[in-house]
């Protein structure tokens, strides 16, 4: 799957070049392109925002640079069925695991994510240029860069070839559509951790028993 991210702050996306997402790009499971929205500004100072009509606080990102960017990326005006254009917005539809799964399992192979900033966008971006507004939670962030990375990450890890083990996905929190069960608690060495205050924090004895049938029962009991 290909992700195209339109942003005013392209240097914000170093996270996408680390760990799992880095390997996924190296093995061509995903492709991520970061685009500076200012490249499509006609202003000599590369300005892309202006004051809202009728007054009000803050500045709005103009429709023109977004329009020109989407045209150059080849996703407008001829919108393709396998492409989705998403606007990161605090007032958008809440993004969750089911949404990520729907994208990962669909025929969509290209997602364009537009990152907002300032007071938002000229509403003609919403009216004419995008498919959906997406929010990652009921709170307000300074920009759409973090939400865009969340969307990219949550979709990517569900794609074939991105994670090494299908079982890793299967057992994760919110992975089951019906149960939305939580992951069971997990532990590693040391078997007993001794704090500086003299406390001893041990691993549940059942996990050290070697009785795999009882261990599975324990995992099920603590995760549902």
N, C-alpha and C. Protein backbone atom coordinates (compact mmCIF):
# COMPACT_ATOMS: atom_id res chain seq x y z
N UNK A 1 0.84 -1.19 0.00
CA UNK A 1 0.00 0.00 0.00
C UNK A 1 0.88 1.24 0.00
N UNK A 2 0.41 2.27 -0.69
CA UNK A 2 1.16 3.52 -0.76
C UNK A 2 0.45 4.59 0.07
N UNK A 3 1.22 5.32 0.86
CA UNK A 3 0.71 6.43 1.64
C UNK A 3 1.38 7.72 1.15
N UNK A 4 0.58 8.72 0.85
CA UNK A 4 1.08 10.05 0.50
C UNK A 4 0.61 11.02 1.56
N UNK A 5 1.53 11.71 2.22
CA UNK A 5 1.19 12.61 3.31
C UNK A 5 1.50 14.04 2.90
N UNK A 6 0.47 14.90 2.95
CA UNK A 6 0.63 16.32 2.67
C UNK A 6 0.73 17.07 3.99
N UNK A 7 1.80 17.83 4.18
CA UNK A 7 2.05 18.46 5.46
C UNK A 7 2.84 19.76 5.28
N UNK A 8 2.75 20.63 6.27
CA UNK A 8 3.58 21.83 6.31
C UNK A 8 4.88 21.58 7.05
N UNK A 9 4.98 20.42 7.69
CA UNK A 9 6.15 20.10 8.52
C UNK A 9 6.68 18.71 8.19
N UNK A 10 7.27 18.54 7.01
CA UNK A 10 7.74 17.21 6.59
C UNK A 10 8.81 16.61 7.50
N UNK A 11 9.51 17.45 8.25
CA UNK A 11 10.55 16.93 9.14
C UNK A 11 9.97 16.23 10.36
N UNK A 12 8.65 16.26 10.52
CA UNK A 12 8.01 15.65 11.70
C UNK A 12 7.90 14.14 11.62
N UNK A 13 8.23 13.53 10.50
CA UNK A 13 7.85 12.14 10.25
C UNK A 13 8.99 11.14 10.37
N UNK A 14 10.00 11.44 11.16
CA UNK A 14 11.12 10.51 11.30
C UNK A 14 10.70 9.16 11.88
N UNK A 15 9.64 9.16 12.67
CA UNK A 15 9.13 7.91 13.26
C UNK A 15 8.82 6.87 12.19
N UNK A 16 8.36 7.33 11.04
CA UNK A 16 7.96 6.39 9.98
C UNK A 16 9.16 5.69 9.35
N UNK A 17 10.36 6.13 9.68
CA UNK A 17 11.57 5.50 9.14
C UNK A 17 12.31 4.69 10.20
N UNK A 18 11.57 4.23 11.20
CA UNK A 18 12.16 3.43 12.27
C UNK A 18 11.46 2.08 12.39
N UNK A 19 12.18 1.10 12.92
CA UNK A 19 11.63 -0.18 13.37
C UNK A 19 10.79 -0.88 12.30
N UNK A 20 9.58 -1.26 12.67
CA UNK A 20 8.71 -2.08 11.82
C UNK A 20 8.39 -1.37 10.50
N UNK A 21 8.07 -0.08 10.58
CA UNK A 21 7.70 0.65 9.36
C UNK A 21 8.90 0.83 8.43
N UNK A 22 10.08 0.95 9.00
CA UNK A 22 11.28 1.03 8.18
C UNK A 22 11.48 -0.27 7.40
N UNK A 23 11.36 -1.40 8.09
CA UNK A 23 11.52 -2.70 7.43
C UNK A 23 10.43 -2.93 6.39
N UNK A 24 9.22 -2.48 6.70
CA UNK A 24 8.11 -2.66 5.75
C UNK A 24 8.36 -1.89 4.46
N UNK A 25 8.99 -0.73 4.56
CA UNK A 25 9.33 0.03 3.36
C UNK A 25 10.49 -0.62 2.61
N UNK A 26 11.43 -1.15 3.35
CA UNK A 26 12.58 -1.80 2.72
C UNK A 26 12.18 -3.05 1.95
N UNK A 27 11.18 -3.78 2.46
CA UNK A 27 10.75 -4.99 1.74
C UNK A 27 9.57 -4.73 0.81
N UNK A 28 9.25 -3.44 0.62
CA UNK A 28 8.22 -2.99 -0.33
C UNK A 28 6.80 -3.41 0.04
N UNK A 29 6.58 -3.72 1.32
CA UNK A 29 5.21 -3.98 1.77
C UNK A 29 4.39 -2.70 1.76
N UNK A 30 5.04 -1.58 2.06
CA UNK A 30 4.39 -0.27 2.00
C UNK A 30 5.34 0.73 1.38
N UNK A 31 4.77 1.84 0.93
CA UNK A 31 5.56 2.95 0.42
C UNK A 31 5.01 4.22 1.04
N UNK A 32 5.87 5.07 1.59
CA UNK A 32 5.44 6.31 2.24
C UNK A 32 6.14 7.49 1.58
N UNK A 33 5.33 8.42 1.07
CA UNK A 33 5.86 9.64 0.46
C UNK A 33 5.40 10.84 1.28
N UNK A 34 6.35 11.67 1.69
CA UNK A 34 6.03 12.88 2.44
C UNK A 34 6.15 14.08 1.51
N UNK A 35 5.09 14.88 1.43
CA UNK A 35 5.06 16.03 0.51
C UNK A 35 4.87 17.32 1.30
N UNK A 36 5.68 18.30 1.01
CA UNK A 36 5.53 19.61 1.63
C UNK A 36 4.47 20.41 0.88
N UNK A 37 3.38 20.70 1.56
CA UNK A 37 2.27 21.40 0.92
C UNK A 37 2.69 22.76 0.36
N UNK A 38 3.73 23.34 0.92
CA UNK A 38 4.18 24.66 0.45
C UNK A 38 4.70 24.60 -0.99
N UNK A 39 5.05 23.43 -1.46
CA UNK A 39 5.52 23.28 -2.84
C UNK A 39 4.45 23.68 -3.84
N UNK A 40 3.19 23.66 -3.42
CA UNK A 40 2.08 23.97 -4.34
C UNK A 40 1.51 25.36 -4.08
N UNK A 41 2.23 26.17 -3.32
CA UNK A 41 1.81 27.54 -3.10
C UNK A 41 2.25 28.41 -4.28
N UNK A 42 1.40 29.33 -4.68
CA UNK A 42 1.75 30.27 -5.74
C UNK A 42 2.33 31.56 -5.17
N UNK A 43 2.34 31.67 -3.85
CA UNK A 43 2.88 32.84 -3.18
C UNK A 43 4.40 32.79 -3.20
N UNK A 44 5.05 33.93 -3.43
CA UNK A 44 6.51 33.94 -3.53
C UNK A 44 7.19 33.56 -2.22
N UNK A 45 6.46 33.69 -1.10
CA UNK A 45 7.00 33.31 0.20
C UNK A 45 6.51 31.90 0.62
N UNK A 46 5.88 31.20 -0.32
CA UNK A 46 5.37 29.84 -0.08
C UNK A 46 4.31 29.81 1.02
N UNK A 47 3.57 30.88 1.14
CA UNK A 47 2.49 30.96 2.12
C UNK A 47 1.29 30.15 1.65
N UNK A 48 0.66 29.41 2.56
CA UNK A 48 -0.49 28.58 2.18
C UNK A 48 -1.73 28.89 3.02
N UNK A 49 -1.66 29.90 3.90
CA UNK A 49 -2.79 30.21 4.77
C UNK A 49 -3.20 31.67 4.62
N UNK A 50 -4.40 31.96 5.11
CA UNK A 50 -4.90 33.34 5.06
C UNK A 50 -5.97 33.50 6.13
N UNK A 51 -6.37 34.77 6.36
CA UNK A 51 -7.38 35.06 7.36
C UNK A 51 -8.76 34.60 6.87
N UNK A 52 -9.61 34.15 7.79
CA UNK A 52 -10.96 33.73 7.38
C UNK A 52 -11.83 34.93 7.02
N UNK A 53 -12.71 34.75 6.03
CA UNK A 53 -13.71 35.77 5.72
C UNK A 53 -14.61 35.96 6.94
N UNK A 54 -15.08 37.14 7.14
CA UNK A 54 -15.95 37.54 8.25
C UNK A 54 -15.20 37.63 9.57
N UNK A 55 -13.89 37.48 9.53
CA UNK A 55 -13.09 37.63 10.73
C UNK A 55 -13.03 36.37 11.57
N UNK A 56 -12.44 36.48 12.72
CA UNK A 56 -12.27 35.33 13.60
C UNK A 56 -10.80 35.08 13.86
N UNK A 57 -10.51 34.31 14.90
CA UNK A 57 -9.12 34.07 15.27
C UNK A 57 -8.42 33.10 14.33
N UNK A 58 -7.11 33.23 14.25
CA UNK A 58 -6.32 32.24 13.54
C UNK A 58 -6.34 32.38 12.04
N UNK A 59 -5.68 31.43 11.41
CA UNK A 59 -5.52 31.41 9.96
C UNK A 59 -6.02 30.07 9.42
N UNK A 60 -6.49 30.09 8.17
CA UNK A 60 -6.98 28.87 7.52
C UNK A 60 -6.06 28.49 6.37
N UNK A 61 -5.83 27.19 6.20
CA UNK A 61 -5.10 26.72 5.02
C UNK A 61 -6.01 26.86 3.80
N UNK A 62 -5.47 27.44 2.76
CA UNK A 62 -6.26 27.74 1.57
C UNK A 62 -6.57 26.48 0.76
N UNK A 63 -7.62 26.58 -0.02
CA UNK A 63 -8.04 25.45 -0.84
C UNK A 63 -7.09 25.24 -2.03
N UNK A 64 -6.53 26.33 -2.58
CA UNK A 64 -5.76 26.23 -3.82
C UNK A 64 -4.54 25.31 -3.72
N UNK A 65 -3.67 25.44 -2.71
CA UNK A 65 -2.51 24.54 -2.67
C UNK A 65 -2.90 23.07 -2.50
N UNK A 66 -3.97 22.82 -1.75
CA UNK A 66 -4.43 21.44 -1.58
C UNK A 66 -4.95 20.90 -2.91
N UNK A 67 -5.73 21.70 -3.60
CA UNK A 67 -6.26 21.32 -4.91
C UNK A 67 -5.13 21.01 -5.89
N UNK A 68 -4.14 21.89 -5.95
CA UNK A 68 -3.04 21.72 -6.90
C UNK A 68 -2.19 20.49 -6.53
N UNK A 69 -2.02 20.25 -5.24
CA UNK A 69 -1.25 19.09 -4.80
C UNK A 69 -1.94 17.79 -5.20
N UNK A 70 -3.24 17.71 -4.96
CA UNK A 70 -3.98 16.49 -5.29
C UNK A 70 -4.00 16.24 -6.80
N UNK A 71 -4.06 17.31 -7.57
CA UNK A 71 -4.00 17.16 -9.03
C UNK A 71 -2.64 16.60 -9.45
N UNK A 72 -1.57 17.15 -8.89
CA UNK A 72 -0.23 16.68 -9.25
C UNK A 72 0.01 15.24 -8.80
N UNK A 73 -0.61 14.85 -7.70
CA UNK A 73 -0.47 13.47 -7.23
C UNK A 73 -1.33 12.50 -8.03
N UNK A 74 -2.18 13.04 -8.91
CA UNK A 74 -2.99 12.20 -9.79
C UNK A 74 -4.22 11.60 -9.14
N UNK A 75 -4.68 12.21 -8.03
CA UNK A 75 -5.85 11.65 -7.34
C UNK A 75 -7.07 12.57 -7.45
N UNK A 76 -6.95 13.63 -8.22
CA UNK A 76 -8.06 14.55 -8.48
C UNK A 76 -7.84 15.19 -9.84
N UNK A 77 -8.91 15.38 -10.64
CA UNK A 77 -10.33 15.20 -10.33
C UNK A 77 -10.84 13.77 -10.54
N UNK A 78 -10.04 12.93 -11.16
CA UNK A 78 -10.50 11.56 -11.43
C UNK A 78 -10.17 10.66 -10.24
N UNK A 79 -11.09 10.62 -9.28
CA UNK A 79 -10.87 9.82 -8.08
C UNK A 79 -10.97 8.33 -8.42
N UNK A 80 -9.98 7.59 -7.98
CA UNK A 80 -9.94 6.16 -8.25
C UNK A 80 -10.55 5.38 -7.09
N UNK A 81 -11.16 4.22 -7.41
CA UNK A 81 -11.81 3.40 -6.38
C UNK A 81 -10.80 2.86 -5.37
N UNK A 82 -9.57 2.67 -5.82
CA UNK A 82 -8.56 2.08 -4.93
C UNK A 82 -7.80 3.14 -4.13
N UNK A 83 -8.26 4.40 -4.17
CA UNK A 83 -7.58 5.49 -3.49
C UNK A 83 -8.54 6.20 -2.54
N UNK A 84 -8.06 6.54 -1.35
CA UNK A 84 -8.84 7.33 -0.40
C UNK A 84 -8.05 8.57 -0.01
N UNK A 85 -8.76 9.71 0.07
CA UNK A 85 -8.15 10.97 0.50
C UNK A 85 -8.74 11.32 1.86
N UNK A 86 -7.88 11.36 2.86
CA UNK A 86 -8.31 11.59 4.24
C UNK A 86 -7.77 12.91 4.76
N UNK A 87 -8.62 13.65 5.45
CA UNK A 87 -8.21 14.90 6.09
C UNK A 87 -8.17 14.67 7.60
N UNK A 88 -7.01 14.90 8.21
CA UNK A 88 -6.89 14.77 9.65
C UNK A 88 -7.60 15.96 10.30
N UNK A 89 -8.62 15.67 11.12
CA UNK A 89 -9.46 16.74 11.65
C UNK A 89 -10.03 16.34 13.01
N UNK A 90 -10.02 17.28 13.96
CA UNK A 90 -10.56 17.00 15.29
C UNK A 90 -12.06 16.72 15.25
N UNK A 91 -12.74 17.17 14.21
CA UNK A 91 -14.17 16.95 14.13
C UNK A 91 -14.55 15.79 13.21
N UNK A 92 -13.55 14.99 12.85
CA UNK A 92 -13.81 13.89 11.94
C UNK A 92 -14.29 12.62 12.62
N UNK A 93 -14.48 11.59 11.85
CA UNK A 93 -14.87 10.28 12.34
C UNK A 93 -13.73 9.68 13.16
N UNK A 94 -14.08 9.10 14.31
CA UNK A 94 -13.05 8.54 15.19
C UNK A 94 -12.42 7.31 14.55
N UNK A 95 -11.09 7.32 14.48
CA UNK A 95 -10.33 6.20 13.91
C UNK A 95 -10.14 5.14 14.99
N UNK A 96 -10.39 3.87 14.64
CA UNK A 96 -10.19 2.79 15.59
C UNK A 96 -9.65 1.56 14.87
N UNK A 97 -9.51 0.47 15.61
CA UNK A 97 -8.90 -0.74 15.04
C UNK A 97 -9.74 -1.32 13.91
N UNK A 98 -11.05 -1.25 14.04
CA UNK A 98 -11.90 -1.77 12.98
C UNK A 98 -11.72 -0.97 11.68
N UNK A 99 -11.56 0.35 11.82
CA UNK A 99 -11.32 1.17 10.63
C UNK A 99 -10.00 0.80 9.98
N UNK A 100 -8.97 0.61 10.79
CA UNK A 100 -7.66 0.21 10.26
C UNK A 100 -7.76 -1.13 9.54
N UNK A 101 -8.51 -2.06 10.13
CA UNK A 101 -8.66 -3.38 9.52
C UNK A 101 -9.42 -3.30 8.20
N UNK A 102 -10.46 -2.47 8.18
CA UNK A 102 -11.23 -2.32 6.94
C UNK A 102 -10.35 -1.82 5.80
N UNK A 103 -9.48 -0.87 6.09
CA UNK A 103 -8.58 -0.37 5.06
C UNK A 103 -7.57 -1.45 4.65
N UNK A 104 -7.02 -2.14 5.62
CA UNK A 104 -6.00 -3.15 5.33
C UNK A 104 -6.55 -4.32 4.52
N UNK A 105 -7.83 -4.64 4.74
CA UNK A 105 -8.42 -5.79 4.09
C UNK A 105 -9.20 -5.42 2.83
N UNK A 106 -9.26 -4.15 2.50
CA UNK A 106 -10.03 -3.69 1.34
C UNK A 106 -9.16 -3.72 0.08
N UNK A 107 -9.75 -3.25 -1.01
CA UNK A 107 -9.01 -3.15 -2.27
C UNK A 107 -8.24 -1.84 -2.39
N UNK A 108 -8.31 -1.02 -1.34
CA UNK A 108 -7.58 0.26 -1.34
C UNK A 108 -6.09 0.00 -1.31
N UNK A 109 -5.36 0.59 -2.25
CA UNK A 109 -3.91 0.43 -2.24
C UNK A 109 -3.16 1.76 -2.22
N UNK A 110 -3.93 2.86 -2.05
CA UNK A 110 -3.28 4.18 -1.91
C UNK A 110 -4.12 5.06 -1.00
N UNK A 111 -3.47 5.62 0.01
CA UNK A 111 -4.15 6.51 0.95
C UNK A 111 -3.40 7.84 0.99
N UNK A 112 -4.12 8.93 0.73
CA UNK A 112 -3.55 10.27 0.81
C UNK A 112 -4.05 10.90 2.11
N UNK A 113 -3.12 11.36 2.93
CA UNK A 113 -3.47 11.96 4.21
C UNK A 113 -3.06 13.43 4.23
N UNK A 114 -4.00 14.29 4.54
CA UNK A 114 -3.75 15.74 4.56
C UNK A 114 -3.70 16.20 6.01
N UNK A 115 -2.59 16.80 6.39
CA UNK A 115 -2.38 17.24 7.77
C UNK A 115 -2.74 18.71 7.91
N UNK A 116 -3.64 18.99 8.82
CA UNK A 116 -4.03 20.36 9.07
C UNK A 116 -3.09 21.06 10.04
N UNK A 117 -3.28 22.36 10.17
CA UNK A 117 -2.54 23.16 11.14
C UNK A 117 -3.29 24.47 11.28
N UNK A 118 -2.84 25.31 12.17
CA UNK A 118 -3.51 26.59 12.42
C UNK A 118 -4.96 26.33 12.84
N UNK A 119 -5.92 27.07 12.29
CA UNK A 119 -7.32 26.90 12.66
C UNK A 119 -8.05 25.91 11.76
N UNK A 120 -7.32 25.27 10.86
CA UNK A 120 -7.96 24.29 9.98
C UNK A 120 -7.88 24.68 8.52
N UNK A 121 -8.85 24.20 7.74
CA UNK A 121 -8.85 24.39 6.29
C UNK A 121 -10.05 25.21 5.84
N UNK A 122 -9.86 25.89 4.73
CA UNK A 122 -10.99 26.43 3.98
C UNK A 122 -11.94 25.24 3.75
N UNK A 123 -13.21 25.41 4.08
CA UNK A 123 -14.14 24.27 4.06
C UNK A 123 -14.35 23.69 2.67
N UNK A 124 -13.93 24.38 1.64
CA UNK A 124 -14.05 23.82 0.29
C UNK A 124 -13.15 22.60 0.11
N UNK A 125 -12.11 22.48 0.93
CA UNK A 125 -11.30 21.26 0.92
C UNK A 125 -12.18 20.07 1.32
N UNK A 126 -12.97 20.28 2.37
CA UNK A 126 -13.87 19.22 2.85
C UNK A 126 -14.98 18.95 1.85
N UNK A 127 -15.55 20.01 1.31
CA UNK A 127 -16.70 19.88 0.40
C UNK A 127 -16.36 19.19 -0.91
N UNK A 128 -15.19 19.46 -1.46
CA UNK A 128 -14.92 19.05 -2.83
C UNK A 128 -13.74 18.09 -3.03
N UNK A 129 -12.82 18.03 -2.08
CA UNK A 129 -11.55 17.38 -2.40
C UNK A 129 -11.28 16.05 -1.66
N UNK A 130 -11.92 15.82 -0.54
CA UNK A 130 -11.56 14.65 0.26
C UNK A 130 -12.69 13.63 0.31
N UNK A 131 -12.34 12.44 0.80
CA UNK A 131 -13.35 11.39 0.98
C UNK A 131 -13.87 11.35 2.40
N UNK A 132 -13.01 11.69 3.37
CA UNK A 132 -13.40 11.51 4.76
C UNK A 132 -12.52 12.36 5.68
N UNK A 133 -13.14 12.89 6.75
CA UNK A 133 -12.38 13.53 7.82
C UNK A 133 -12.15 12.51 8.92
N UNK A 134 -10.92 12.45 9.43
CA UNK A 134 -10.55 11.45 10.42
C UNK A 134 -10.00 12.12 11.67
N UNK A 135 -10.49 11.67 12.84
CA UNK A 135 -9.97 12.11 14.13
C UNK A 135 -9.43 10.89 14.87
N UNK A 136 -8.34 11.07 15.61
CA UNK A 136 -7.79 9.95 16.38
C UNK A 136 -8.22 10.01 17.84
N UNK A 137 -9.09 10.93 18.20
CA UNK A 137 -9.56 10.99 19.58
C UNK A 137 -10.28 12.28 19.87
N UNK A 138 -10.96 12.30 21.01
CA UNK A 138 -11.75 13.47 21.38
C UNK A 138 -10.89 14.47 22.14
N UNK A 139 -9.95 15.01 21.42
CA UNK A 139 -9.07 16.04 21.95
C UNK A 139 -8.50 16.80 20.77
N UNK A 140 -7.86 17.93 21.03
CA UNK A 140 -7.33 18.77 19.95
C UNK A 140 -5.81 18.76 20.01
N UNK A 141 -5.19 18.52 18.86
CA UNK A 141 -3.74 18.55 18.73
C UNK A 141 -3.32 19.78 17.93
N UNK A 142 -2.04 20.08 17.96
CA UNK A 142 -1.54 21.26 17.26
C UNK A 142 -1.55 21.10 15.74
N UNK A 143 -1.53 19.87 15.27
CA UNK A 143 -1.52 19.63 13.84
C UNK A 143 -1.92 18.20 13.52
N UNK A 144 -2.01 17.89 12.24
CA UNK A 144 -2.44 16.56 11.82
C UNK A 144 -1.32 15.55 11.62
N UNK A 145 -0.08 15.94 11.96
CA UNK A 145 1.04 15.05 11.70
C UNK A 145 0.99 13.79 12.56
N UNK A 146 0.75 13.94 13.86
CA UNK A 146 0.65 12.76 14.73
C UNK A 146 -0.52 11.85 14.33
N UNK A 147 -1.72 12.40 14.09
CA UNK A 147 -2.81 11.55 13.62
C UNK A 147 -2.48 10.81 12.32
N UNK A 148 -1.82 11.48 11.39
CA UNK A 148 -1.46 10.82 10.13
C UNK A 148 -0.56 9.63 10.38
N UNK A 149 0.42 9.80 11.28
CA UNK A 149 1.32 8.68 11.58
C UNK A 149 0.58 7.54 12.26
N UNK A 150 -0.40 7.86 13.10
CA UNK A 150 -1.20 6.82 13.74
C UNK A 150 -1.98 6.02 12.70
N UNK A 151 -2.58 6.72 11.75
CA UNK A 151 -3.35 6.03 10.70
C UNK A 151 -2.43 5.13 9.86
N UNK A 152 -1.28 5.66 9.46
CA UNK A 152 -0.34 4.88 8.66
C UNK A 152 0.14 3.65 9.42
N UNK A 153 0.51 3.82 10.67
CA UNK A 153 1.01 2.72 11.49
C UNK A 153 -0.06 1.66 11.68
N UNK A 154 -1.27 2.08 12.05
CA UNK A 154 -2.33 1.12 12.39
C UNK A 154 -2.77 0.31 11.18
N UNK A 155 -2.74 0.89 9.99
CA UNK A 155 -3.06 0.13 8.77
C UNK A 155 -1.90 -0.78 8.39
N UNK A 156 -0.71 -0.22 8.39
CA UNK A 156 0.46 -0.93 7.88
C UNK A 156 0.71 -2.24 8.60
N UNK A 157 0.58 -2.24 9.93
CA UNK A 157 0.93 -3.44 10.69
C UNK A 157 -0.05 -4.58 10.44
N UNK A 158 -1.19 -4.28 9.79
CA UNK A 158 -2.17 -5.33 9.46
C UNK A 158 -1.99 -5.86 8.05
N UNK A 159 -1.05 -5.28 7.30
CA UNK A 159 -0.83 -5.70 5.92
C UNK A 159 0.11 -6.91 5.87
N UNK A 160 -0.08 -7.80 4.90
CA UNK A 160 0.80 -8.96 4.77
C UNK A 160 2.26 -8.55 4.61
N UNK A 161 3.13 -9.22 5.34
CA UNK A 161 4.57 -8.99 5.20
C UNK A 161 5.14 -7.91 6.09
N UNK A 162 4.27 -7.20 6.85
CA UNK A 162 4.77 -6.11 7.69
C UNK A 162 5.22 -6.63 9.05
N UNK A 163 4.38 -7.38 9.71
CA UNK A 163 4.77 -8.02 10.97
C UNK A 163 5.24 -9.44 10.69
N UNK A 164 6.17 -9.90 11.47
CA UNK A 164 6.73 -11.22 11.23
C UNK A 164 5.79 -12.35 11.56
N UNK A 165 4.87 -12.13 12.50
CA UNK A 165 4.02 -13.22 12.98
C UNK A 165 2.56 -12.82 12.94
N UNK A 166 1.74 -13.63 12.27
CA UNK A 166 0.30 -13.38 12.25
C UNK A 166 -0.28 -13.52 13.65
N UNK A 167 0.29 -14.42 14.47
CA UNK A 167 -0.19 -14.62 15.82
C UNK A 167 -0.02 -13.36 16.65
N UNK A 168 1.01 -12.56 16.37
CA UNK A 168 1.21 -11.31 17.10
C UNK A 168 0.02 -10.39 16.93
N UNK A 169 -0.49 -10.31 15.71
CA UNK A 169 -1.65 -9.46 15.44
C UNK A 169 -2.88 -10.04 16.10
N UNK A 170 -3.03 -11.36 15.98
CA UNK A 170 -4.23 -12.04 16.44
C UNK A 170 -4.46 -11.87 17.93
N UNK A 171 -3.37 -11.84 18.71
CA UNK A 171 -3.50 -11.80 20.17
C UNK A 171 -3.48 -10.40 20.75
N UNK A 172 -3.38 -9.37 19.92
CA UNK A 172 -3.25 -8.01 20.44
C UNK A 172 -4.58 -7.46 20.92
N UNK A 173 -4.49 -6.44 21.79
CA UNK A 173 -5.67 -5.74 22.25
C UNK A 173 -6.47 -5.20 21.07
N UNK A 174 -7.80 -5.39 21.14
CA UNK A 174 -8.74 -4.92 20.12
C UNK A 174 -8.63 -5.67 18.80
N UNK A 175 -7.89 -6.79 18.74
CA UNK A 175 -7.74 -7.47 17.46
C UNK A 175 -8.97 -8.28 17.11
N UNK A 176 -9.75 -8.74 18.08
CA UNK A 176 -10.92 -9.55 17.82
C UNK A 176 -12.13 -8.65 17.65
N UNK A 177 -12.79 -8.74 16.51
CA UNK A 177 -13.90 -7.84 16.20
C UNK A 177 -15.05 -8.00 17.20
N UNK A 178 -15.35 -9.25 17.60
CA UNK A 178 -16.50 -9.49 18.45
C UNK A 178 -16.19 -9.22 19.91
N UNK A 179 -15.05 -9.71 20.39
CA UNK A 179 -14.75 -9.64 21.81
C UNK A 179 -13.99 -8.39 22.21
N UNK A 180 -13.22 -7.87 21.28
CA UNK A 180 -12.33 -6.74 21.60
C UNK A 180 -11.60 -7.02 22.92
N UNK A 181 -11.07 -8.23 23.03
CA UNK A 181 -10.45 -8.65 24.28
C UNK A 181 -9.10 -7.99 24.48
N UNK A 182 -8.70 -7.89 25.74
CA UNK A 182 -7.41 -7.30 26.06
C UNK A 182 -6.33 -8.37 26.05
N UNK A 183 -5.12 -7.97 25.77
CA UNK A 183 -3.99 -8.88 25.85
C UNK A 183 -3.81 -9.35 27.28
N UNK A 184 -3.39 -10.60 27.41
CA UNK A 184 -3.06 -11.09 28.74
C UNK A 184 -1.73 -10.48 29.20
N UNK A 185 -1.52 -10.36 30.52
CA UNK A 185 -0.25 -9.82 31.02
C UNK A 185 0.91 -10.74 30.64
N UNK A 186 2.04 -10.15 30.30
CA UNK A 186 3.21 -10.93 29.93
C UNK A 186 4.42 -10.52 30.78
N UNK A 187 5.34 -11.48 30.97
CA UNK A 187 6.48 -11.26 31.84
C UNK A 187 7.74 -11.83 31.19
N UNK A 188 8.90 -11.30 31.60
CA UNK A 188 10.18 -11.86 31.15
C UNK A 188 11.16 -11.82 32.33
N UNK A 189 12.38 -12.23 32.13
CA UNK A 189 13.37 -12.27 33.20
C UNK A 189 13.64 -10.87 33.77
N UNK A 190 13.94 -10.77 35.08
CA UNK A 190 14.17 -11.87 36.02
C UNK A 190 12.86 -12.45 36.57
N UNK A 191 12.93 -13.66 37.07
CA UNK A 191 11.76 -14.31 37.65
C UNK A 191 11.26 -13.54 38.87
N UNK A 192 12.19 -13.01 39.67
CA UNK A 192 11.85 -12.16 40.81
C UNK A 192 12.68 -10.88 40.70
N UNK A 193 11.99 -9.74 40.67
CA UNK A 193 12.69 -8.46 40.64
C UNK A 193 12.68 -7.86 42.03
N UNK A 194 13.86 -7.54 42.55
CA UNK A 194 13.99 -6.96 43.88
C UNK A 194 14.23 -5.46 43.77
N UNK A 195 13.36 -4.69 44.41
CA UNK A 195 13.48 -3.24 44.35
C UNK A 195 14.50 -2.75 45.37
N UNK A 196 14.91 -1.50 45.23
CA UNK A 196 15.83 -0.90 46.19
C UNK A 196 15.21 -0.79 47.58
N UNK A 197 13.87 -0.81 47.61
CA UNK A 197 13.16 -0.70 48.89
C UNK A 197 12.95 -2.04 49.56
N UNK A 198 13.48 -3.12 48.95
CA UNK A 198 13.38 -4.43 49.55
C UNK A 198 12.16 -5.24 49.15
N UNK A 199 11.35 -4.71 48.23
CA UNK A 199 10.18 -5.46 47.76
C UNK A 199 10.61 -6.48 46.71
N UNK A 200 9.82 -7.54 46.59
CA UNK A 200 10.05 -8.57 45.59
C UNK A 200 8.83 -8.70 44.70
N UNK A 201 9.01 -8.46 43.42
CA UNK A 201 7.91 -8.54 42.45
C UNK A 201 8.12 -9.79 41.61
N UNK A 202 7.30 -10.78 41.85
CA UNK A 202 7.47 -12.05 41.18
C UNK A 202 6.57 -12.25 39.97
N UNK A 203 6.90 -13.26 39.20
CA UNK A 203 6.10 -13.67 38.05
C UNK A 203 5.04 -14.65 38.54
N UNK A 204 3.80 -14.59 38.02
CA UNK A 204 2.78 -15.57 38.42
C UNK A 204 3.31 -17.01 38.29
N UNK A 205 3.11 -17.80 39.34
CA UNK A 205 3.66 -19.15 39.39
C UNK A 205 3.19 -20.02 38.24
N UNK A 206 1.97 -19.79 37.78
CA UNK A 206 1.42 -20.64 36.71
C UNK A 206 2.29 -20.58 35.46
N UNK A 207 2.90 -19.41 35.19
CA UNK A 207 3.71 -19.26 33.99
C UNK A 207 5.04 -20.01 34.09
N UNK A 208 5.41 -20.41 35.29
CA UNK A 208 6.65 -21.13 35.49
C UNK A 208 6.42 -22.63 35.66
N UNK A 209 5.13 -23.04 35.55
CA UNK A 209 4.78 -24.43 35.87
C UNK A 209 5.13 -25.42 34.77
N UNK A 210 5.18 -24.93 33.52
CA UNK A 210 5.40 -25.85 32.41
C UNK A 210 4.15 -26.56 31.96
N UNK A 211 3.02 -26.32 32.62
CA UNK A 211 1.74 -26.94 32.26
C UNK A 211 1.04 -26.05 31.24
N UNK A 212 1.24 -26.36 29.97
CA UNK A 212 0.77 -25.48 28.90
C UNK A 212 -0.75 -25.38 28.85
N UNK A 213 -1.43 -26.44 29.19
CA UNK A 213 -2.89 -26.40 29.17
C UNK A 213 -3.42 -25.44 30.23
N UNK A 214 -2.85 -25.49 31.42
CA UNK A 214 -3.27 -24.59 32.49
C UNK A 214 -2.83 -23.15 32.21
N UNK A 215 -1.68 -23.01 31.58
CA UNK A 215 -1.22 -21.67 31.22
C UNK A 215 -2.19 -21.01 30.24
N UNK A 216 -2.67 -21.79 29.25
CA UNK A 216 -3.62 -21.25 28.28
C UNK A 216 -4.93 -20.86 28.96
N UNK A 217 -5.37 -21.66 29.93
CA UNK A 217 -6.58 -21.34 30.68
C UNK A 217 -6.39 -20.03 31.45
N UNK A 218 -5.19 -19.87 32.04
CA UNK A 218 -4.90 -18.64 32.79
C UNK A 218 -4.93 -17.43 31.87
N UNK A 219 -4.28 -17.56 30.71
CA UNK A 219 -4.26 -16.45 29.75
C UNK A 219 -5.67 -16.03 29.36
N UNK A 220 -6.51 -17.04 29.12
CA UNK A 220 -7.88 -16.74 28.71
C UNK A 220 -8.64 -16.06 29.84
N UNK A 221 -8.43 -16.52 31.08
CA UNK A 221 -9.18 -15.98 32.21
C UNK A 221 -8.83 -14.53 32.51
N UNK A 222 -7.57 -14.16 32.29
CA UNK A 222 -7.14 -12.79 32.62
C UNK A 222 -7.28 -11.82 31.45
N UNK A 223 -7.59 -12.33 30.27
CA UNK A 223 -7.66 -11.44 29.10
C UNK A 223 -9.08 -11.07 28.72
N UNK A 224 -10.08 -11.86 29.08
CA UNK A 224 -11.45 -11.57 28.64
C UNK A 224 -12.07 -10.47 29.47
